[in-house]
Amino acid sequence: QVKLKSLKSLFPYDTGLDKPLEYFSSVVLSKYPLKNSKVGNNHALITNLILDNTELTIIGIHLWTPILPNEFNLAIEGMETIKTLITNNNQNLILMGDLNMTSTSKRFTTFLKETNLYTYTSYKNPTSTWPTILPNFLGIQIDHVLFSKNFKVIRKKTTNHFGSNHRPLIVDLAF
């Protein structure tokens, strides 16, 4: 949390760095004012911002890792939370977070189809986000930025992990 606060000069707006964060908490840092920020079921963070007279909705979530059979229900519950939030919000939507799904998994492709969201995957320039103990080309991407159809990816990359077991995913979008 201290390292995130050090980014305050670049991103003066945030969704709650003044409160203690839990393991599944999400944070949004922004150059633009955020409004109506709230945390809902399954630690889903939802906030809005106005950019060029257009309102954008941002949802951040860390889905449960479905390793054991009883944990699969927790992952599904988190996905259902996201689907409800998407249904109740505008078409200028960005969903980001640790979704604990690879872009080639059936669960992920089904989720994209059900939510009508998009992403960008490059097999030539992979953006593996986990685990940081492995080189990028041996890792997998389980952290994602998904978006509604009116967005376009300009650039996608990972960066220094700052001590996390995940590499941050940076995605530049245009609309």
N, C-alpha and C. Protein backbone atom coordinates (compact mmCIF):
# COMPACT_ATOMS: atom_id res chain seq x y z
N GLN A 1 0.83 -1.19 0.00
CA GLN A 1 0.00 0.00 0.00
C GLN A 1 0.87 1.26 0.00
N VAL A 2 2.00 1.20 0.67
CA VAL A 2 2.92 2.33 0.71
C VAL A 2 3.46 2.62 -0.69
N LYS A 3 3.79 1.56 -1.43
CA LYS A 3 4.30 1.73 -2.79
C LYS A 3 3.23 2.33 -3.71
N LEU A 4 1.98 1.95 -3.52
CA LEU A 4 0.90 2.54 -4.32
C LEU A 4 0.74 4.03 -3.98
N LYS A 5 0.83 4.36 -2.71
CA LYS A 5 0.71 5.76 -2.30
C LYS A 5 1.82 6.62 -2.89
N SER A 6 2.97 6.00 -3.17
CA SER A 6 4.08 6.76 -3.75
C SER A 6 3.77 7.21 -5.18
N LEU A 7 2.74 6.66 -5.80
CA LEU A 7 2.33 7.04 -7.16
C LEU A 7 1.36 8.22 -7.17
N LYS A 8 1.07 8.76 -5.99
CA LYS A 8 0.08 9.84 -5.83
C LYS A 8 0.38 11.06 -6.72
N SER A 9 1.66 11.37 -6.96
CA SER A 9 1.99 12.53 -7.79
C SER A 9 1.61 12.30 -9.25
N LEU A 10 1.64 11.06 -9.71
CA LEU A 10 1.23 10.73 -11.08
C LEU A 10 -0.28 10.52 -11.19
N PHE A 11 -0.84 9.91 -10.15
CA PHE A 11 -2.27 9.57 -10.15
C PHE A 11 -2.90 10.13 -8.88
N PRO A 12 -3.34 11.39 -8.92
CA PRO A 12 -3.81 12.04 -7.70
C PRO A 12 -5.17 11.52 -7.17
N TYR A 13 -5.89 10.75 -7.97
CA TYR A 13 -7.21 10.25 -7.54
C TYR A 13 -7.13 8.74 -7.34
N ASP A 14 -7.79 8.27 -6.27
CA ASP A 14 -7.79 6.83 -6.00
C ASP A 14 -9.11 6.44 -5.35
N THR A 15 -9.29 5.15 -5.23
CA THR A 15 -10.55 4.63 -4.69
C THR A 15 -10.42 4.05 -3.29
N GLY A 16 -9.55 4.60 -2.49
CA GLY A 16 -9.55 4.15 -1.10
C GLY A 16 -8.21 3.73 -0.56
N LEU A 17 -7.15 4.35 -0.98
CA LEU A 17 -5.84 4.03 -0.41
C LEU A 17 -5.71 4.52 1.03
N ASP A 18 -6.68 5.30 1.48
CA ASP A 18 -6.66 5.79 2.86
C ASP A 18 -7.23 4.75 3.83
N LYS A 19 -7.76 3.64 3.31
CA LYS A 19 -8.33 2.58 4.15
C LYS A 19 -7.46 1.34 4.06
N PRO A 20 -7.48 0.50 5.09
CA PRO A 20 -6.70 -0.75 5.02
C PRO A 20 -7.21 -1.64 3.88
N LEU A 21 -6.28 -2.25 3.17
CA LEU A 21 -6.64 -3.14 2.07
C LEU A 21 -6.61 -4.58 2.54
N GLU A 22 -7.54 -5.38 2.02
CA GLU A 22 -7.57 -6.80 2.31
C GLU A 22 -6.99 -7.55 1.12
N TYR A 23 -6.80 -8.84 1.27
CA TYR A 23 -6.17 -9.66 0.23
C TYR A 23 -6.90 -9.54 -1.12
N PHE A 24 -8.22 -9.52 -1.13
CA PHE A 24 -8.98 -9.49 -2.38
C PHE A 24 -9.40 -8.06 -2.78
N SER A 25 -8.89 -7.05 -2.10
CA SER A 25 -9.26 -5.66 -2.41
C SER A 25 -8.69 -5.24 -3.77
N SER A 26 -9.38 -4.32 -4.41
CA SER A 26 -8.92 -3.70 -5.65
C SER A 26 -8.79 -2.20 -5.41
N VAL A 27 -7.89 -1.58 -6.17
CA VAL A 27 -7.66 -0.14 -6.07
C VAL A 27 -7.59 0.40 -7.49
N VAL A 28 -8.16 1.58 -7.71
CA VAL A 28 -8.03 2.28 -8.97
C VAL A 28 -7.27 3.57 -8.70
N LEU A 29 -6.21 3.80 -9.47
CA LEU A 29 -5.46 5.05 -9.44
C LEU A 29 -5.75 5.76 -10.74
N SER A 30 -5.98 7.08 -10.69
CA SER A 30 -6.41 7.79 -11.88
C SER A 30 -5.82 9.20 -11.95
N LYS A 31 -5.63 9.67 -13.17
CA LYS A 31 -5.25 11.06 -13.41
C LYS A 31 -6.49 11.94 -13.41
N TYR A 32 -7.66 11.32 -13.49
CA TYR A 32 -8.93 12.04 -13.59
C TYR A 32 -9.77 11.79 -12.35
N PRO A 33 -10.60 12.78 -11.96
CA PRO A 33 -11.44 12.60 -10.77
C PRO A 33 -12.35 11.37 -10.88
N LEU A 34 -12.45 10.65 -9.79
CA LEU A 34 -13.32 9.48 -9.71
C LEU A 34 -14.57 9.85 -8.92
N LYS A 35 -15.69 9.24 -9.29
CA LYS A 35 -16.93 9.53 -8.55
C LYS A 35 -17.72 8.26 -8.34
N ASN A 36 -18.58 8.29 -7.35
CA ASN A 36 -19.47 7.18 -7.02
C ASN A 36 -18.71 5.88 -6.77
N SER A 37 -17.55 5.95 -6.14
CA SER A 37 -16.76 4.75 -5.86
C SER A 37 -17.40 3.98 -4.72
N LYS A 38 -17.53 2.67 -4.92
CA LYS A 38 -18.07 1.82 -3.86
C LYS A 38 -17.54 0.40 -4.04
N VAL A 39 -17.57 -0.34 -2.95
CA VAL A 39 -17.17 -1.74 -2.96
C VAL A 39 -18.42 -2.57 -2.71
N GLY A 40 -18.64 -3.54 -3.58
CA GLY A 40 -19.82 -4.39 -3.47
C GLY A 40 -19.47 -5.81 -3.08
N ASN A 41 -20.34 -6.72 -3.46
CA ASN A 41 -20.14 -8.14 -3.18
C ASN A 41 -18.82 -8.63 -3.75
N ASN A 42 -18.22 -9.59 -3.08
CA ASN A 42 -16.97 -10.22 -3.53
C ASN A 42 -15.85 -9.21 -3.73
N HIS A 43 -15.85 -8.14 -2.95
CA HIS A 43 -14.83 -7.09 -3.01
C HIS A 43 -14.78 -6.40 -4.37
N ALA A 44 -15.86 -6.46 -5.13
CA ALA A 44 -15.89 -5.80 -6.43
C ALA A 44 -15.91 -4.28 -6.22
N LEU A 45 -14.96 -3.61 -6.82
CA LEU A 45 -14.87 -2.16 -6.75
C LEU A 45 -15.48 -1.58 -8.02
N ILE A 46 -16.31 -0.59 -7.86
CA ILE A 46 -16.89 0.08 -9.03
C ILE A 46 -16.76 1.58 -8.84
N THR A 47 -16.33 2.25 -9.90
CA THR A 47 -16.17 3.70 -9.85
C THR A 47 -16.42 4.27 -11.25
N ASN A 48 -16.66 5.55 -11.32
CA ASN A 48 -16.89 6.23 -12.59
C ASN A 48 -15.94 7.40 -12.72
N LEU A 49 -15.65 7.76 -13.96
CA LEU A 49 -14.90 8.98 -14.22
C LEU A 49 -15.41 9.60 -15.51
N ILE A 50 -15.22 10.90 -15.62
CA ILE A 50 -15.62 11.64 -16.82
C ILE A 50 -14.35 11.98 -17.59
N LEU A 51 -14.32 11.58 -18.85
CA LEU A 51 -13.17 11.85 -19.71
C LEU A 51 -13.70 12.37 -21.05
N ASP A 52 -13.32 13.57 -21.41
CA ASP A 52 -13.80 14.18 -22.66
C ASP A 52 -15.33 14.15 -22.77
N ASN A 53 -16.00 14.53 -21.69
CA ASN A 53 -17.47 14.57 -21.61
C ASN A 53 -18.13 13.21 -21.75
N THR A 54 -17.38 12.15 -21.54
CA THR A 54 -17.93 10.80 -21.60
C THR A 54 -17.72 10.13 -20.25
N GLU A 55 -18.78 9.53 -19.73
CA GLU A 55 -18.67 8.83 -18.46
C GLU A 55 -18.22 7.39 -18.71
N LEU A 56 -17.19 6.99 -17.97
CA LEU A 56 -16.66 5.63 -18.05
C LEU A 56 -16.90 4.94 -16.72
N THR A 57 -17.24 3.67 -16.77
CA THR A 57 -17.40 2.87 -15.56
C THR A 57 -16.22 1.91 -15.49
N ILE A 58 -15.59 1.86 -14.33
CA ILE A 58 -14.46 0.96 -14.12
C ILE A 58 -14.82 0.01 -12.99
N ILE A 59 -14.62 -1.26 -13.25
CA ILE A 59 -14.85 -2.30 -12.24
C ILE A 59 -13.53 -3.01 -12.01
N GLY A 60 -13.15 -3.14 -10.75
CA GLY A 60 -11.96 -3.90 -10.38
C GLY A 60 -12.35 -5.04 -9.48
N ILE A 61 -11.78 -6.21 -9.73
CA ILE A 61 -12.12 -7.37 -8.91
C ILE A 61 -10.96 -8.35 -8.90
N HIS A 62 -10.84 -9.08 -7.80
CA HIS A 62 -9.89 -10.18 -7.67
C HIS A 62 -10.74 -11.42 -7.44
N LEU A 63 -10.87 -12.23 -8.48
CA LEU A 63 -11.69 -13.44 -8.36
C LEU A 63 -10.95 -14.53 -7.58
N TRP A 64 -11.72 -15.34 -6.91
CA TRP A 64 -11.19 -16.45 -6.14
C TRP A 64 -10.49 -17.43 -7.08
N THR A 65 -9.42 -18.06 -6.60
CA THR A 65 -8.71 -19.08 -7.37
C THR A 65 -9.40 -20.42 -7.16
N PRO A 66 -9.99 -20.99 -8.21
CA PRO A 66 -10.74 -22.25 -8.04
C PRO A 66 -9.82 -23.47 -8.09
N ILE A 67 -9.04 -23.67 -7.04
CA ILE A 67 -8.11 -24.81 -7.00
C ILE A 67 -8.82 -26.06 -6.48
N LEU A 68 -9.51 -25.92 -5.37
CA LEU A 68 -10.23 -27.05 -4.79
C LEU A 68 -11.69 -27.02 -5.25
N PRO A 69 -12.36 -28.18 -5.30
CA PRO A 69 -13.74 -28.22 -5.79
C PRO A 69 -14.69 -27.26 -5.07
N ASN A 70 -14.56 -27.10 -3.75
CA ASN A 70 -15.45 -26.19 -3.03
C ASN A 70 -15.15 -24.72 -3.32
N GLU A 71 -13.94 -24.42 -3.83
CA GLU A 71 -13.58 -23.05 -4.16
C GLU A 71 -14.10 -22.63 -5.53
N PHE A 72 -14.43 -23.59 -6.37
CA PHE A 72 -14.95 -23.27 -7.69
C PHE A 72 -16.24 -22.46 -7.58
N ASN A 73 -17.07 -22.78 -6.59
CA ASN A 73 -18.32 -22.03 -6.37
C ASN A 73 -18.04 -20.57 -6.01
N LEU A 74 -16.95 -20.31 -5.26
CA LEU A 74 -16.59 -18.94 -4.92
C LEU A 74 -16.17 -18.16 -6.16
N ALA A 75 -15.45 -18.82 -7.07
CA ALA A 75 -15.04 -18.17 -8.32
C ALA A 75 -16.27 -17.87 -9.17
N ILE A 76 -17.19 -18.80 -9.25
CA ILE A 76 -18.42 -18.60 -10.02
C ILE A 76 -19.25 -17.47 -9.42
N GLU A 77 -19.32 -17.42 -8.10
CA GLU A 77 -20.06 -16.35 -7.41
C GLU A 77 -19.48 -14.98 -7.77
N GLY A 78 -18.16 -14.87 -7.80
CA GLY A 78 -17.51 -13.63 -8.19
C GLY A 78 -17.82 -13.26 -9.63
N MET A 79 -17.83 -14.24 -10.52
CA MET A 79 -18.17 -13.98 -11.92
C MET A 79 -19.61 -13.51 -12.05
N GLU A 80 -20.50 -14.06 -11.26
CA GLU A 80 -21.90 -13.63 -11.30
C GLU A 80 -22.04 -12.20 -10.79
N THR A 81 -21.25 -11.84 -9.77
CA THR A 81 -21.23 -10.46 -9.29
C THR A 81 -20.85 -9.51 -10.41
N ILE A 82 -19.80 -9.86 -11.16
CA ILE A 82 -19.37 -9.02 -12.28
C ILE A 82 -20.47 -8.90 -13.32
N LYS A 83 -21.09 -10.01 -13.67
CA LYS A 83 -22.16 -9.98 -14.69
C LYS A 83 -23.29 -9.06 -14.27
N THR A 84 -23.65 -9.08 -12.98
CA THR A 84 -24.70 -8.19 -12.48
C THR A 84 -24.27 -6.73 -12.59
N LEU A 85 -23.03 -6.43 -12.20
CA LEU A 85 -22.54 -5.06 -12.28
C LEU A 85 -22.51 -4.57 -13.73
N ILE A 86 -22.12 -5.42 -14.65
CA ILE A 86 -22.07 -5.05 -16.06
C ILE A 86 -23.45 -4.76 -16.60
N THR A 87 -24.40 -5.58 -16.23
CA THR A 87 -25.78 -5.41 -16.68
C THR A 87 -26.36 -4.09 -16.20
N ASN A 88 -25.95 -3.65 -15.01
CA ASN A 88 -26.50 -2.43 -14.41
C ASN A 88 -25.72 -1.16 -14.74
N ASN A 89 -24.77 -1.22 -15.66
CA ASN A 89 -23.95 -0.05 -15.96
C ASN A 89 -23.92 0.27 -17.44
N ASN A 90 -23.34 1.44 -17.74
CA ASN A 90 -23.38 1.93 -19.11
C ASN A 90 -22.46 1.14 -20.03
N GLN A 91 -22.47 1.53 -21.30
CA GLN A 91 -21.71 0.78 -22.30
C GLN A 91 -20.23 1.14 -22.33
N ASN A 92 -19.80 2.18 -21.65
CA ASN A 92 -18.39 2.56 -21.60
C ASN A 92 -17.77 1.91 -20.38
N LEU A 93 -17.44 0.64 -20.50
CA LEU A 93 -17.07 -0.16 -19.35
C LEU A 93 -15.67 -0.74 -19.49
N ILE A 94 -14.91 -0.67 -18.40
CA ILE A 94 -13.61 -1.32 -18.31
C ILE A 94 -13.63 -2.19 -17.06
N LEU A 95 -13.32 -3.46 -17.24
CA LEU A 95 -13.23 -4.41 -16.14
C LEU A 95 -11.77 -4.84 -16.03
N MET A 96 -11.22 -4.75 -14.83
CA MET A 96 -9.82 -5.13 -14.68
C MET A 96 -9.59 -5.81 -13.36
N GLY A 97 -8.58 -6.68 -13.36
CA GLY A 97 -8.21 -7.33 -12.12
C GLY A 97 -7.63 -8.70 -12.33
N ASP A 98 -7.37 -9.35 -11.22
CA ASP A 98 -6.88 -10.72 -11.21
C ASP A 98 -8.11 -11.62 -11.36
N LEU A 99 -8.35 -12.06 -12.58
CA LEU A 99 -9.52 -12.89 -12.85
C LEU A 99 -9.22 -14.37 -12.66
N ASN A 100 -7.96 -14.72 -12.40
CA ASN A 100 -7.57 -16.11 -12.21
C ASN A 100 -8.07 -17.02 -13.32
N MET A 101 -8.00 -16.52 -14.54
CA MET A 101 -8.34 -17.29 -15.74
C MET A 101 -7.33 -16.92 -16.82
N THR A 102 -6.90 -17.90 -17.59
CA THR A 102 -6.04 -17.59 -18.73
C THR A 102 -6.92 -17.23 -19.93
N SER A 103 -6.36 -16.50 -20.85
CA SER A 103 -7.15 -16.05 -22.01
C SER A 103 -7.52 -17.19 -22.95
N THR A 104 -6.92 -18.35 -22.77
CA THR A 104 -7.26 -19.49 -23.63
C THR A 104 -8.19 -20.49 -22.96
N SER A 105 -8.58 -20.22 -21.70
CA SER A 105 -9.45 -21.17 -21.01
C SER A 105 -10.89 -21.05 -21.48
N LYS A 106 -11.60 -22.15 -21.42
CA LYS A 106 -13.02 -22.18 -21.81
C LYS A 106 -13.83 -21.25 -20.90
N ARG A 107 -13.49 -21.23 -19.62
CA ARG A 107 -14.22 -20.39 -18.67
C ARG A 107 -14.07 -18.91 -19.04
N PHE A 108 -12.86 -18.51 -19.49
CA PHE A 108 -12.61 -17.13 -19.88
C PHE A 108 -13.35 -16.78 -21.17
N THR A 109 -13.24 -17.61 -22.19
CA THR A 109 -13.90 -17.30 -23.46
C THR A 109 -15.42 -17.29 -23.30
N THR A 110 -15.95 -18.16 -22.47
CA THR A 110 -17.39 -18.15 -22.19
C THR A 110 -17.78 -16.86 -21.46
N PHE A 111 -16.96 -16.45 -20.50
CA PHE A 111 -17.21 -15.22 -19.75
C PHE A 111 -17.23 -14.01 -20.69
N LEU A 112 -16.28 -13.93 -21.62
CA LEU A 112 -16.27 -12.83 -22.59
C LEU A 112 -17.56 -12.81 -23.41
N LYS A 113 -17.98 -13.97 -23.85
CA LYS A 113 -19.19 -14.06 -24.67
C LYS A 113 -20.43 -13.64 -23.86
N GLU A 114 -20.52 -14.10 -22.63
CA GLU A 114 -21.67 -13.80 -21.78
C GLU A 114 -21.74 -12.33 -21.37
N THR A 115 -20.60 -11.68 -21.24
CA THR A 115 -20.57 -10.29 -20.78
C THR A 115 -20.46 -9.30 -21.94
N ASN A 116 -20.22 -9.80 -23.13
CA ASN A 116 -20.05 -8.95 -24.32
C ASN A 116 -18.87 -7.98 -24.13
N LEU A 117 -17.81 -8.48 -23.50
CA LEU A 117 -16.59 -7.70 -23.31
C LEU A 117 -15.49 -8.22 -24.22
N TYR A 118 -14.46 -7.41 -24.39
CA TYR A 118 -13.37 -7.73 -25.31
C TYR A 118 -12.03 -7.59 -24.59
N THR A 119 -11.01 -8.17 -25.20
CA THR A 119 -9.65 -8.05 -24.72
C THR A 119 -8.72 -8.16 -25.91
N TYR A 120 -7.44 -8.04 -25.66
CA TYR A 120 -6.45 -8.19 -26.71
C TYR A 120 -5.39 -9.16 -26.22
N THR A 121 -5.11 -10.17 -27.04
CA THR A 121 -4.08 -11.15 -26.72
C THR A 121 -3.13 -11.25 -27.89
N SER A 122 -1.86 -11.21 -27.59
CA SER A 122 -0.84 -11.37 -28.62
C SER A 122 0.03 -12.57 -28.27
N TYR A 123 0.09 -13.54 -29.16
CA TYR A 123 0.95 -14.70 -28.93
C TYR A 123 2.39 -14.38 -29.32
N LYS A 124 2.56 -13.34 -30.12
CA LYS A 124 3.90 -12.89 -30.52
C LYS A 124 4.57 -12.11 -29.39
N ASN A 125 3.79 -11.27 -28.69
CA ASN A 125 4.29 -10.47 -27.57
C ASN A 125 3.44 -10.76 -26.32
N PRO A 126 3.70 -11.89 -25.66
CA PRO A 126 2.86 -12.26 -24.51
C PRO A 126 3.03 -11.30 -23.34
N THR A 127 1.97 -11.15 -22.58
CA THR A 127 1.99 -10.33 -21.38
C THR A 127 1.64 -11.21 -20.18
N SER A 128 2.55 -12.07 -19.84
CA SER A 128 2.35 -12.97 -18.71
C SER A 128 2.43 -12.17 -17.42
N THR A 129 1.43 -12.35 -16.59
CA THR A 129 1.38 -11.58 -15.35
C THR A 129 1.72 -12.42 -14.12
N TRP A 130 1.77 -13.73 -14.27
CA TRP A 130 1.98 -14.59 -13.11
C TRP A 130 2.71 -15.85 -13.52
N PRO A 131 3.55 -16.42 -12.71
CA PRO A 131 4.17 -15.87 -11.51
C PRO A 131 5.43 -15.09 -11.87
N THR A 132 5.81 -14.17 -11.03
CA THR A 132 6.97 -13.34 -11.32
C THR A 132 8.29 -14.09 -11.12
N ILE A 133 8.25 -15.26 -10.51
CA ILE A 133 9.49 -16.03 -10.34
C ILE A 133 9.94 -16.66 -11.66
N LEU A 134 9.05 -16.69 -12.64
CA LEU A 134 9.39 -17.22 -13.96
C LEU A 134 9.56 -16.08 -14.96
N PRO A 135 10.38 -16.28 -15.98
CA PRO A 135 10.46 -15.26 -17.04
C PRO A 135 9.12 -15.11 -17.74
N ASN A 136 8.89 -13.96 -18.33
CA ASN A 136 7.63 -13.65 -19.00
C ASN A 136 7.18 -14.77 -19.95
N PHE A 137 8.09 -15.31 -20.74
CA PHE A 137 7.71 -16.29 -21.75
C PHE A 137 7.29 -17.64 -21.17
N LEU A 138 7.56 -17.88 -19.89
CA LEU A 138 7.14 -19.12 -19.23
C LEU A 138 5.90 -18.94 -18.35
N GLY A 139 5.49 -17.72 -18.14
CA GLY A 139 4.35 -17.45 -17.27
C GLY A 139 3.03 -17.52 -18.01
N ILE A 140 1.97 -17.16 -17.31
CA ILE A 140 0.63 -17.09 -17.89
C ILE A 140 0.01 -15.75 -17.54
N GLN A 141 -0.98 -15.37 -18.29
CA GLN A 141 -1.70 -14.13 -17.98
C GLN A 141 -3.02 -14.48 -17.31
N ILE A 142 -3.12 -14.11 -16.03
CA ILE A 142 -4.38 -14.31 -15.31
C ILE A 142 -4.98 -12.98 -14.86
N ASP A 143 -4.23 -11.91 -15.07
CA ASP A 143 -4.72 -10.55 -14.79
C ASP A 143 -5.13 -9.96 -16.13
N HIS A 144 -6.27 -9.30 -16.16
CA HIS A 144 -6.82 -8.85 -17.44
C HIS A 144 -7.41 -7.44 -17.36
N VAL A 145 -7.47 -6.80 -18.51
CA VAL A 145 -8.25 -5.58 -18.71
C VAL A 145 -9.21 -5.91 -19.84
N LEU A 146 -10.50 -5.94 -19.51
CA LEU A 146 -11.55 -6.22 -20.49
C LEU A 146 -12.33 -4.93 -20.70
N PHE A 147 -12.96 -4.81 -21.84
CA PHE A 147 -13.61 -3.54 -22.15
C PHE A 147 -14.77 -3.74 -23.10
N SER A 148 -15.67 -2.74 -23.12
CA SER A 148 -16.82 -2.78 -24.04
C SER A 148 -16.35 -2.47 -25.45
N LYS A 149 -17.20 -2.73 -26.41
CA LYS A 149 -16.81 -2.72 -27.83
C LYS A 149 -16.37 -1.36 -28.36
N ASN A 150 -16.67 -0.28 -27.69
CA ASN A 150 -16.30 1.04 -28.20
C ASN A 150 -14.87 1.45 -27.83
N PHE A 151 -14.12 0.57 -27.19
CA PHE A 151 -12.71 0.83 -26.88
C PHE A 151 -11.81 0.10 -27.87
N LYS A 152 -10.60 0.61 -27.98
CA LYS A 152 -9.59 0.02 -28.86
C LYS A 152 -8.27 0.00 -28.09
N VAL A 153 -7.55 -1.11 -28.17
CA VAL A 153 -6.26 -1.22 -27.49
C VAL A 153 -5.19 -0.50 -28.32
N ILE A 154 -4.48 0.37 -27.67
CA ILE A 154 -3.35 1.07 -28.28
C ILE A 154 -2.05 0.33 -27.96
N ARG A 155 -1.90 -0.07 -26.70
CA ARG A 155 -0.69 -0.76 -26.26
C ARG A 155 -1.01 -1.59 -25.03
N LYS A 156 -0.31 -2.72 -24.91
CA LYS A 156 -0.48 -3.60 -23.75
C LYS A 156 0.90 -4.14 -23.37
N LYS A 157 1.24 -4.01 -22.07
CA LYS A 157 2.54 -4.50 -21.62
C LYS A 157 2.48 -4.80 -20.13
N THR A 158 3.50 -5.49 -19.65
CA THR A 158 3.67 -5.69 -18.22
C THR A 158 4.88 -4.88 -17.78
N THR A 159 5.01 -4.70 -16.47
CA THR A 159 6.11 -3.89 -15.95
C THR A 159 6.64 -4.50 -14.65
N ASN A 160 7.55 -3.81 -14.00
CA ASN A 160 8.16 -4.24 -12.75
C ASN A 160 7.09 -4.63 -11.73
N HIS A 161 7.30 -5.74 -11.05
CA HIS A 161 6.29 -6.26 -10.13
C HIS A 161 6.34 -5.70 -8.72
N PHE A 162 7.30 -4.87 -8.38
CA PHE A 162 7.37 -4.19 -7.09
C PHE A 162 7.21 -5.14 -5.90
N GLY A 163 7.70 -6.37 -6.03
CA GLY A 163 7.65 -7.32 -4.92
C GLY A 163 6.42 -8.21 -4.90
N SER A 164 5.49 -8.01 -5.80
CA SER A 164 4.29 -8.85 -5.88
C SER A 164 4.62 -10.15 -6.62
N ASN A 165 3.75 -11.13 -6.51
CA ASN A 165 3.92 -12.34 -7.31
C ASN A 165 3.22 -12.19 -8.67
N HIS A 166 2.66 -10.99 -8.94
CA HIS A 166 2.04 -10.66 -10.23
C HIS A 166 2.76 -9.48 -10.84
N ARG A 167 2.91 -9.50 -12.17
CA ARG A 167 3.41 -8.33 -12.89
C ARG A 167 2.22 -7.42 -13.18
N PRO A 168 2.35 -6.12 -12.94
CA PRO A 168 1.27 -5.21 -13.31
C PRO A 168 1.05 -5.22 -14.82
N LEU A 169 -0.19 -5.18 -15.23
CA LEU A 169 -0.57 -5.15 -16.63
C LEU A 169 -0.98 -3.71 -16.96
N ILE A 170 -0.34 -3.13 -17.95
CA ILE A 170 -0.65 -1.77 -18.36
C ILE A 170 -1.26 -1.83 -19.75
N VAL A 171 -2.48 -1.32 -19.86
CA VAL A 171 -3.20 -1.34 -21.13
C VAL A 171 -3.65 0.08 -21.44
N ASP A 172 -3.18 0.61 -22.58
CA ASP A 172 -3.63 1.91 -23.04
C ASP A 172 -4.81 1.72 -23.98
N LEU A 173 -5.93 2.34 -23.64
CA LEU A 173 -7.16 2.22 -24.42
C LEU A 173 -7.55 3.56 -25.01
N ALA A 174 -8.22 3.53 -26.14
CA ALA A 174 -8.81 4.73 -26.75
C ALA A 174 -10.27 4.42 -27.03
N PHE A 175 -11.09 5.48 -27.06
CA PHE A 175 -12.50 5.28 -27.41
C PHE A 175 -12.95 6.39 -28.32
